[in-house]
Amino acid sequence: MVTGFENIQKLGKDNMDVAMQSFGAFSKGMQAISAEVADYSKKSMEDSSAAIEKMVSAKSLDKAMEAQADFAR
């Protein structure tokens, strides 16, 4: 009877170890995805700010339209 309980206890521990390893891998993956999203968002914001600054500082409507078209590409 004790041997059966020990086997069940070992199986539970093994399952918990595998679950913790899986959670660790998932956590690292989510951190990597979050870092990529943050980098993309930062670059996108910088590009948008530069384009808006270029459009606002344009001396003519044609130059502003050209700057907007460049940003759209």
PDB file of N, CA and C in Angstrom:
ATOM      1  N   MET A   1       0.823  -1.199   0.000  1.00  0.00           N
ATOM      2  CA  MET A   1       0.000   0.000   0.000  1.00  0.00           C
ATOM      3  C   MET A   1       0.863   1.256   0.000  1.00  0.00           C
ATOM      4  N   VAL A   2       1.932   1.239   0.776  1.00  0.00           N
ATOM      5  CA  VAL A   2       2.814   2.400   0.834  1.00  0.00           C
ATOM      6  C   VAL A   2       3.504   2.611  -0.509  1.00  0.00           C
ATOM      7  N   THR A   3       3.885   1.537  -1.175  1.00  0.00           N
ATOM      8  CA  THR A   3       4.547   1.639  -2.469  1.00  0.00           C
ATOM      9  C   THR A   3       3.632   2.314  -3.489  1.00  0.00           C
ATOM     10  N   GLY A   4       2.364   1.979  -3.488  1.00  0.00           N
ATOM     11  CA  GLY A   4       1.405   2.615  -4.393  1.00  0.00           C
ATOM     12  C   GLY A   4       1.298   4.109  -4.133  1.00  0.00           C
ATOM     13  N   PHE A   5       1.277   4.500  -2.868  1.00  0.00           N
ATOM     14  CA  PHE A   5       1.202   5.912  -2.502  1.00  0.00           C
ATOM     15  C   PHE A   5       2.467   6.641  -2.927  1.00  0.00           C
ATOM     16  N   GLU A   6       3.622   6.002  -2.743  1.00  0.00           N
ATOM     17  CA  GLU A   6       4.886   6.620  -3.146  1.00  0.00           C
ATOM     18  C   GLU A   6       4.956   6.804  -4.660  1.00  0.00           C
ATOM     19  N   ASN A   7       4.436   5.832  -5.406  1.00  0.00           N
ATOM     20  CA  ASN A   7       4.411   5.950  -6.865  1.00  0.00           C
ATOM     21  C   ASN A   7       3.515   7.099  -7.313  1.00  0.00           C
ATOM     22  N   ILE A   8       2.372   7.210  -6.670  1.00  0.00           N
ATOM     23  CA  ILE A   8       1.444   8.309  -6.988  1.00  0.00           C
ATOM     24  C   ILE A   8       2.084   9.649  -6.634  1.00  0.00           C
ATOM     25  N   GLN A   9       2.759   9.699  -5.500  1.00  0.00           N
ATOM     26  CA  GLN A   9       3.418  10.930  -5.055  1.00  0.00           C
ATOM     27  C   GLN A   9       4.532  11.313  -6.042  1.00  0.00           C
ATOM     28  N   LYS A  10       5.330  10.327  -6.493  1.00  0.00           N
ATOM     29  CA  LYS A  10       6.404  10.584  -7.451  1.00  0.00           C
ATOM     30  C   LYS A  10       5.825  11.051  -8.782  1.00  0.00           C
ATOM     31  N   LEU A  11       4.763  10.425  -9.228  1.00  0.00           N
ATOM     32  CA  LEU A  11       4.117  10.822 -10.474  1.00  0.00           C
ATOM     33  C   LEU A  11       3.613  12.269 -10.381  1.00  0.00           C
ATOM     34  N   GLY A  12       3.013  12.624  -9.256  1.00  0.00           N
ATOM     35  CA  GLY A  12       2.546  13.992  -9.047  1.00  0.00           C
ATOM     36  C   GLY A  12       3.691  14.989  -9.079  1.00  0.00           C
ATOM     37  N   LYS A  13       4.821  14.634  -8.452  1.00  0.00           N
ATOM     38  CA  LYS A  13       5.993  15.517  -8.444  1.00  0.00           C
ATOM     39  C   LYS A  13       6.536  15.671  -9.857  1.00  0.00           C
ATOM     40  N   ASP A  14       6.637  14.554 -10.595  1.00  0.00           N
ATOM     41  CA  ASP A  14       7.134  14.609 -11.974  1.00  0.00           C
ATOM     42  C   ASP A  14       6.238  15.481 -12.842  1.00  0.00           C
ATOM     43  N   ASN A  15       4.937  15.337 -12.683  1.00  0.00           N
ATOM     44  CA  ASN A  15       3.998  16.156 -13.455  1.00  0.00           C
ATOM     45  C   ASN A  15       4.139  17.635 -13.104  1.00  0.00           C
ATOM     46  N   MET A  16       4.338  17.922 -11.839  1.00  0.00           N
ATOM     47  CA  MET A  16       4.505  19.314 -11.407  1.00  0.00           C
ATOM     48  C   MET A  16       5.795  19.893 -11.982  1.00  0.00           C
ATOM     49  N   ASP A  17       6.864  19.105 -12.002  1.00  0.00           N
ATOM     50  CA  ASP A  17       8.131  19.567 -12.571  1.00  0.00           C
ATOM     51  C   ASP A  17       7.979  19.893 -14.057  1.00  0.00           C
ATOM     52  N   VAL A  18       7.312  19.021 -14.786  1.00  0.00           N
ATOM     53  CA  VAL A  18       7.088  19.253 -16.218  1.00  0.00           C
ATOM     54  C   VAL A  18       6.216  20.493 -16.419  1.00  0.00           C
ATOM     55  N   ALA A  19       5.206  20.658 -15.598  1.00  0.00           N
ATOM     56  CA  ALA A  19       4.325  21.823 -15.708  1.00  0.00           C
ATOM     57  C   ALA A  19       5.109  23.111 -15.445  1.00  0.00           C
ATOM     58  N   MET A  20       5.999  23.094 -14.463  1.00  0.00           N
ATOM     59  CA  MET A  20       6.786  24.288 -14.143  1.00  0.00           C
ATOM     60  C   MET A  20       7.764  24.614 -15.282  1.00  0.00           C
ATOM     61  N   GLN A  21       8.366  23.584 -15.889  1.00  0.00           N
ATOM     62  CA  GLN A  21       9.248  23.819 -17.032  1.00  0.00           C
ATOM     63  C   GLN A  21       8.463  24.413 -18.199  1.00  0.00           C
ATOM     64  N   SER A  22       7.296  23.902 -18.426  1.00  0.00           N
ATOM     65  CA  SER A  22       6.448  24.403 -19.500  1.00  0.00           C
ATOM     66  C   SER A  22       6.054  25.857 -19.245  1.00  0.00           C
ATOM     67  N   PHE A  23       5.694  26.164 -18.014  1.00  0.00           N
ATOM     68  CA  PHE A  23       5.330  27.534 -17.663  1.00  0.00           C
ATOM     69  C   PHE A  23       6.519  28.466 -17.839  1.00  0.00           C
ATOM     70  N   GLY A  24       7.720  28.010 -17.486  1.00  0.00           N
ATOM     71  CA  GLY A  24       8.923  28.825 -17.660  1.00  0.00           C
ATOM     72  C   GLY A  24       9.171  29.144 -19.123  1.00  0.00           C
ATOM     73  N   ALA A  25       9.020  28.149 -19.985  1.00  0.00           N
ATOM     74  CA  ALA A  25       9.209  28.368 -21.422  1.00  0.00           C
ATOM     75  C   ALA A  25       8.151  29.328 -21.956  1.00  0.00           C
ATOM     76  N   PHE A  26       6.923  29.163 -21.532  1.00  0.00           N
ATOM     77  CA  PHE A  26       5.833  30.049 -21.949  1.00  0.00           C
ATOM     78  C   PHE A  26       6.114  31.481 -21.506  1.00  0.00           C
ATOM     79  N   SER A  27       6.573  31.631 -20.274  1.00  0.00           N
ATOM     80  CA  SER A  27       6.868  32.958 -19.730  1.00  0.00           C
ATOM     81  C   SER A  27       7.974  33.644 -20.529  1.00  0.00           C
ATOM     82  N   LYS A  28       9.033  32.901 -20.854  1.00  0.00           N
ATOM     83  CA  LYS A  28      10.118  33.479 -21.644  1.00  0.00           C
ATOM     84  C   LYS A  28       9.627  33.879 -23.033  1.00  0.00           C
ATOM     85  N   GLY A  29       8.779  33.065 -23.628  1.00  0.00           N
ATOM     86  CA  GLY A  29       8.221  33.389 -24.930  1.00  0.00           C
ATOM     87  C   GLY A  29       7.385  34.655 -24.891  1.00  0.00           C
ATOM     88  N   MET A  30       6.576  34.790 -23.866  1.00  0.00           N
ATOM     89  CA  MET A  30       5.741  35.994 -23.734  1.00  0.00           C
ATOM     90  C   MET A  30       6.599  37.236 -23.507  1.00  0.00           C
ATOM     91  N   GLN A  31       7.687  37.098 -22.755  1.00  0.00           N
ATOM     92  CA  GLN A  31       8.592  38.229 -22.546  1.00  0.00           C
ATOM     93  C   GLN A  31       9.223  38.662 -23.864  1.00  0.00           C
ATOM     94  N   ALA A  32       9.615  37.691 -24.689  1.00  0.00           N
ATOM     95  CA  ALA A  32      10.213  38.014 -25.986  1.00  0.00           C
ATOM     96  C   ALA A  32       9.204  38.715 -26.890  1.00  0.00           C
ATOM     97  N   ILE A  33       7.987  38.223 -26.903  1.00  0.00           N
ATOM     98  CA  ILE A  33       6.938  38.846 -27.720  1.00  0.00           C
ATOM     99  C   ILE A  33       6.663  40.268 -27.228  1.00  0.00           C
ATOM    100  N   SER A  34       6.588  40.447 -25.925  1.00  0.00           N
ATOM    101  CA  SER A  34       6.341  41.777 -25.359  1.00  0.00           C
ATOM    102  C   SER A  34       7.460  42.750 -25.720  1.00  0.00           C
ATOM    103  N   ALA A  35       8.700  42.283 -25.683  1.00  0.00           N
ATOM    104  CA  ALA A  35       9.829  43.140 -26.040  1.00  0.00           C
ATOM    105  C   ALA A  35       9.748  43.542 -27.510  1.00  0.00           C
ATOM    106  N   GLU A  36       9.382  42.603 -28.376  1.00  0.00           N
ATOM    107  CA  GLU A  36       9.252  42.909 -29.809  1.00  0.00           C
ATOM    108  C   GLU A  36       8.126  43.914 -30.055  1.00  0.00           C
ATOM    109  N   VAL A  37       7.016  43.746 -29.381  1.00  0.00           N
ATOM    110  CA  VAL A  37       5.887  44.677 -29.536  1.00  0.00           C
ATOM    111  C   VAL A  37       6.287  46.066 -29.063  1.00  0.00           C
ATOM    112  N   ALA A  38       6.990  46.134 -27.950  1.00  0.00           N
ATOM    113  CA  ALA A  38       7.429  47.435 -27.432  1.00  0.00           C
ATOM    114  C   ALA A  38       8.401  48.107 -28.396  1.00  0.00           C
ATOM    115  N   ASP A  39       9.340  47.349 -28.951  1.00  0.00           N
ATOM    116  CA  ASP A  39      10.293  47.916 -29.912  1.00  0.00           C
ATOM    117  C   ASP A  39       9.578  48.415 -31.161  1.00  0.00           C
ATOM    118  N   TYR A  40       8.634  47.616 -31.667  1.00  0.00           N
ATOM    119  CA  TYR A  40       7.886  48.022 -32.857  1.00  0.00           C
ATOM    120  C   TYR A  40       7.071  49.285 -32.584  1.00  0.00           C
ATOM    121  N   SER A  41       6.425  49.332 -31.431  1.00  0.00           N
ATOM    122  CA  SER A  41       5.607  50.495 -31.083  1.00  0.00           C
ATOM    123  C   SER A  41       6.467  51.746 -30.974  1.00  0.00           C
ATOM    124  N   LYS A  42       7.641  51.615 -30.380  1.00  0.00           N
ATOM    125  CA  LYS A  42       8.545  52.758 -30.234  1.00  0.00           C
ATOM    126  C   LYS A  42       8.986  53.259 -31.601  1.00  0.00           C
ATOM    127  N   LYS A  43       9.382  52.336 -32.492  1.00  0.00           N
ATOM    128  CA  LYS A  43       9.827  52.729 -33.828  1.00  0.00           C
ATOM    129  C   LYS A  43       8.689  53.358 -34.618  1.00  0.00           C
ATOM    130  N   SER A  44       7.510  52.799 -34.510  1.00  0.00           N
ATOM    131  CA  SER A  44       6.356  53.336 -35.214  1.00  0.00           C
ATOM    132  C   SER A  44       6.038  54.758 -34.737  1.00  0.00           C
ATOM    133  N   MET A  45       6.112  54.959 -33.434  1.00  0.00           N
ATOM    134  CA  MET A  45       5.839  56.291 -32.877  1.00  0.00           C
ATOM    135  C   MET A  45       6.893  57.302 -33.340  1.00  0.00           C
ATOM    136  N   GLU A  46       8.152  56.880 -33.353  1.00  0.00           N
ATOM    137  CA  GLU A  46       9.215  57.777 -33.813  1.00  0.00           C
ATOM    138  C   GLU A  46       9.030  58.137 -35.286  1.00  0.00           C
ATOM    139  N   ASP A  47       8.702  57.132 -36.112  1.00  0.00           N
ATOM    140  CA  ASP A  47       8.479  57.395 -37.539  1.00  0.00           C
ATOM    141  C   ASP A  47       7.295  58.325 -37.757  1.00  0.00           C
ATOM    142  N   SER A  48       6.224  58.108 -37.021  1.00  0.00           N
ATOM    143  CA  SER A  48       5.037  58.965 -37.145  1.00  0.00           C
ATOM    144  C   SER A  48       5.344  60.393 -36.720  1.00  0.00           C
ATOM    145  N   SER A  49       6.073  60.540 -35.633  1.00  0.00           N
ATOM    146  CA  SER A  49       6.433  61.880 -35.157  1.00  0.00           C
ATOM    147  C   SER A  49       7.293  62.610 -36.175  1.00  0.00           C
ATOM    148  N   ALA A  50       8.250  61.905 -36.758  1.00  0.00           N
ATOM    149  CA  ALA A  50       9.116  62.527 -37.762  1.00  0.00           C
ATOM    150  C   ALA A  50       8.309  62.949 -38.988  1.00  0.00           C
ATOM    151  N   ALA A  51       7.371  62.109 -39.406  1.00  0.00           N
ATOM    152  CA  ALA A  51       6.551  62.448 -40.571  1.00  0.00           C
ATOM    153  C   ALA A  51       5.658  63.656 -40.292  1.00  0.00           C
ATOM    154  N   ILE A  52       5.057  63.699 -39.125  1.00  0.00           N
ATOM    155  CA  ILE A  52       4.195  64.836 -38.771  1.00  0.00           C
ATOM    156  C   ILE A  52       5.019  66.113 -38.695  1.00  0.00           C
ATOM    157  N   GLU A  53       6.204  66.019 -38.107  1.00  0.00           N
ATOM    158  CA  GLU A  53       7.077  67.197 -38.015  1.00  0.00           C
ATOM    159  C   GLU A  53       7.455  67.689 -39.408  1.00  0.00           C
ATOM    160  N   LYS A  54       7.735  66.754 -40.316  1.00  0.00           N
ATOM    161  CA  LYS A  54       8.093  67.122 -41.685  1.00  0.00           C
ATOM    162  C   LYS A  54       6.912  67.787 -42.389  1.00  0.00           C
ATOM    163  N   MET A  55       5.701  67.262 -42.179  1.00  0.00           N
ATOM    164  CA  MET A  55       4.520  67.851 -42.820  1.00  0.00           C
ATOM    165  C   MET A  55       4.220  69.243 -42.270  1.00  0.00           C
ATOM    166  N   VAL A  56       4.355  69.400 -40.961  1.00  0.00           N
ATOM    167  CA  VAL A  56       4.042  70.690 -40.343  1.00  0.00           C
ATOM    168  C   VAL A  56       5.063  71.751 -40.749  1.00  0.00           C
ATOM    169  N   SER A  57       6.318  71.340 -40.929  1.00  0.00           N
ATOM    170  CA  SER A  57       7.350  72.321 -41.259  1.00  0.00           C
ATOM    171  C   SER A  57       7.453  72.597 -42.758  1.00  0.00           C
ATOM    172  N   ALA A  58       6.602  71.967 -43.555  1.00  0.00           N
ATOM    173  CA  ALA A  58       6.637  72.184 -45.006  1.00  0.00           C
ATOM    174  C   ALA A  58       6.252  73.624 -45.320  1.00  0.00           C
ATOM    175  N   LYS A  59       6.939  74.191 -46.300  1.00  0.00           N
ATOM    176  CA  LYS A  59       6.709  75.591 -46.672  1.00  0.00           C
ATOM    177  C   LYS A  59       5.504  75.766 -47.594  1.00  0.00           C
ATOM    178  N   SER A  60       5.110  74.696 -48.265  1.00  0.00           N
ATOM    179  CA  SER A  60       3.972  74.809 -49.170  1.00  0.00           C
ATOM    180  C   SER A  60       3.089  73.574 -49.029  1.00  0.00           C
ATOM    181  N   LEU A  61       1.892  73.694 -49.566  1.00  0.00           N
ATOM    182  CA  LEU A  61       0.947  72.590 -49.523  1.00  0.00           C
ATOM    183  C   LEU A  61       1.474  71.400 -50.329  1.00  0.00           C
ATOM    184  N   ASP A  62       2.148  71.702 -51.446  1.00  0.00           N
ATOM    185  CA  ASP A  62       2.707  70.616 -52.264  1.00  0.00           C
ATOM    186  C   ASP A  62       3.745  69.814 -51.486  1.00  0.00           C
ATOM    187  N   LYS A  63       4.601  70.512 -50.749  1.00  0.00           N
ATOM    188  CA  LYS A  63       5.630  69.828 -49.961  1.00  0.00           C
ATOM    189  C   LYS A  63       5.002  69.017 -48.825  1.00  0.00           C
ATOM    190  N   ALA A  64       3.948  69.535 -48.241  1.00  0.00           N
ATOM    191  CA  ALA A  64       3.249  68.815 -47.178  1.00  0.00           C
ATOM    192  C   ALA A  64       2.605  67.544 -47.733  1.00  0.00           C
ATOM    193  N   MET A  65       1.996  67.657 -48.919  1.00  0.00           N
ATOM    194  CA  MET A  65       1.387  66.488 -49.547  1.00  0.00           C
ATOM    195  C   MET A  65       2.444  65.460 -49.919  1.00  0.00           C
ATOM    196  N   GLU A  66       3.595  65.926 -50.366  1.00  0.00           N
ATOM    197  CA  GLU A  66       4.689  65.032 -50.725  1.00  0.00           C
ATOM    198  C   GLU A  66       5.206  64.288 -49.476  1.00  0.00           C
ATOM    199  N   ALA A  67       5.342  65.011 -48.385  1.00  0.00           N
ATOM    200  CA  ALA A  67       5.795  64.399 -47.146  1.00  0.00           C
ATOM    201  C   ALA A  67       4.784  63.355 -46.658  1.00  0.00           C
ATOM    202  N   GLN A  68       3.506  63.667 -46.800  1.00  0.00           N
ATOM    203  CA  GLN A  68       2.469  62.714 -46.380  1.00  0.00           C
ATOM    204  C   GLN A  68       2.497  61.477 -47.264  1.00  0.00           C
ATOM    205  N   ALA A  69       2.708  61.664 -48.556  1.00  0.00           N
ATOM    206  CA  ALA A  69       2.773  60.526 -49.487  1.00  0.00           C
ATOM    207  C   ALA A  69       3.991  59.655 -49.189  1.00  0.00           C
ATOM    208  N   ASP A  70       5.115  60.283 -48.858  1.00  0.00           N
ATOM    209  CA  ASP A  70       6.315  59.521 -48.483  1.00  0.00           C
ATOM    210  C   ASP A  70       6.062  58.684 -47.242  1.00  0.00           C
ATOM    211  N   PHE A  71       5.382  59.260 -46.279  1.00  0.00           N
ATOM    212  CA  PHE A  71       5.082  58.523 -45.042  1.00  0.00           C
ATOM    213  C   PHE A  71       4.136  57.363 -45.312  1.00  0.00           C
ATOM    214  N   ALA A  72       3.180  57.566 -46.207  1.00  0.00           N
ATOM    215  CA  ALA A  72       2.217  56.520 -46.509  1.00  0.00           C
ATOM    216  C   ALA A  72       2.879  55.316 -47.174  1.00  0.00           C
ATOM    217  N   ARG A  73       3.960  55.569 -47.888  1.00  0.00           N
ATOM    218  CA  ARG A  73       4.683  54.459 -48.518  1.00  0.00           C
ATOM    219  C   ARG A  73       5.420  53.730 -47.461  1.00  0.00           C
TER     220      ARG A  73
END
